[in-house]
C-alpha cells in the first residue's frame, strides 16, 4: 500500500508569508527594505522606517 505523498513545500504558507507586511515595532509604520551602497562600493540591505 503506497500512500500519496504530500508536497515538500507548503505553497499556502509561502504565499501567506510573502503577503505579510512588516511593521516597525517602535512606530507601527510599514518597513521598507532598500539596498544602500557605501562610497567604497560595499552593498548593505537597510530597513527604513522611523529613522531620519
C-alpha atoms as a PDB file:
ATOM      1  CA  UNK A   1       0.000   0.000   0.000  1.00  0.00           C
ATOM      2  CA  UNK A   2       1.532   3.228  -1.161  1.00  0.00           C
ATOM      3  CA  UNK A   3       0.426   6.468   0.469  1.00  0.00           C
ATOM      4  CA  UNK A   4       0.029   9.574  -1.624  1.00  0.00           C
ATOM      5  CA  UNK A   5       2.933  11.821  -0.709  1.00  0.00           C
ATOM      6  CA  UNK A   6       2.488  15.458   0.218  1.00  0.00           C
ATOM      7  CA  UNK A   7       4.325  18.293  -1.424  1.00  0.00           C
ATOM      8  CA  UNK A   8       7.633  19.154   0.218  1.00  0.00           C
ATOM      9  CA  UNK A   9       6.773  22.858   0.131  1.00  0.00           C
ATOM     10  CA  UNK A  10       3.646  24.314   1.671  1.00  0.00           C
ATOM     11  CA  UNK A  11       2.537  26.727  -1.053  1.00  0.00           C
ATOM     12  CA  UNK A  12      -0.159  28.345   1.091  1.00  0.00           C
ATOM     13  CA  UNK A  13       2.313  29.128   3.876  1.00  0.00           C
ATOM     14  CA  UNK A  14       4.788  30.623   1.406  1.00  0.00           C
ATOM     15  CA  UNK A  15       2.095  32.834  -0.130  1.00  0.00           C
ATOM     16  CA  UNK A  16       0.950  33.998   3.306  1.00  0.00           C
ATOM     17  CA  UNK A  17       4.462  34.956   4.418  1.00  0.00           C
ATOM     18  CA  UNK A  18       5.068  36.785   1.138  1.00  0.00           C
ATOM     19  CA  UNK A  19       1.881  38.843   1.532  1.00  0.00           C
ATOM     20  CA  UNK A  20       2.522  39.664   5.187  1.00  0.00           C
ATOM     21  CA  UNK A  21       3.593  43.284   5.756  1.00  0.00           C
ATOM     22  CA  UNK A  22       6.375  44.000   8.230  1.00  0.00           C
ATOM     23  CA  UNK A  23       5.542  46.729  10.722  1.00  0.00           C
ATOM     24  CA  UNK A  24       8.019  48.669  12.846  1.00  0.00           C
ATOM     25  CA  UNK A  25       7.925  47.683  16.499  1.00  0.00           C
ATOM     26  CA  UNK A  26       8.511  51.302  17.564  1.00  0.00           C
ATOM     27  CA  UNK A  27       6.211  53.432  15.390  1.00  0.00           C
ATOM     28  CA  UNK A  28       3.984  50.813  13.714  1.00  0.00           C
ATOM     29  CA  UNK A  29       4.639  52.034  10.154  1.00  0.00           C
ATOM     30  CA  UNK A  30       5.440  49.768   7.210  1.00  0.00           C
ATOM     31  CA  UNK A  31       9.133  48.851   6.990  1.00  0.00           C
ATOM     32  CA  UNK A  32      10.869  49.409   3.637  1.00  0.00           C
ATOM     33  CA  UNK A  33      13.899  47.343   2.697  1.00  0.00           C
ATOM     34  CA  UNK A  34      16.429  49.109   0.461  1.00  0.00           C
ATOM     35  CA  UNK A  35      19.896  48.361  -0.862  1.00  0.00           C
ATOM     36  CA  UNK A  36      22.430  51.006   0.209  1.00  0.00           C
ATOM     37  CA  UNK A  37      25.855  51.226  -1.402  1.00  0.00           C
ATOM     38  CA  UNK A  38      28.679  52.899   0.533  1.00  0.00           C
ATOM     39  CA  UNK A  39      31.275  55.130  -1.189  1.00  0.00           C
ATOM     40  CA  UNK A  40      33.732  52.217  -1.037  1.00  0.00           C
ATOM     41  CA  UNK A  41      31.272  50.079  -3.055  1.00  0.00           C
ATOM     42  CA  UNK A  42      30.100  47.813  -0.238  1.00  0.00           C
ATOM     43  CA  UNK A  43      26.438  46.818  -0.520  1.00  0.00           C
ATOM     44  CA  UNK A  44      24.198  46.712   2.529  1.00  0.00           C
ATOM     45  CA  UNK A  45      20.493  45.951   2.973  1.00  0.00           C
ATOM     46  CA  UNK A  46      18.819  48.514   5.223  1.00  0.00           C
ATOM     47  CA  UNK A  47      15.370  48.589   6.746  1.00  0.00           C
ATOM     48  CA  UNK A  48      13.983  52.101   6.665  1.00  0.00           C
ATOM     49  CA  UNK A  49      11.082  53.178   8.816  1.00  0.00           C
ATOM     50  CA  UNK A  50      11.204  55.823  11.522  1.00  0.00           C
ATOM     51  CA  UNK A  51      14.924  56.561  11.159  1.00  0.00           C
ATOM     52  CA  UNK A  52      15.685  60.018   9.866  1.00  0.00           C
END
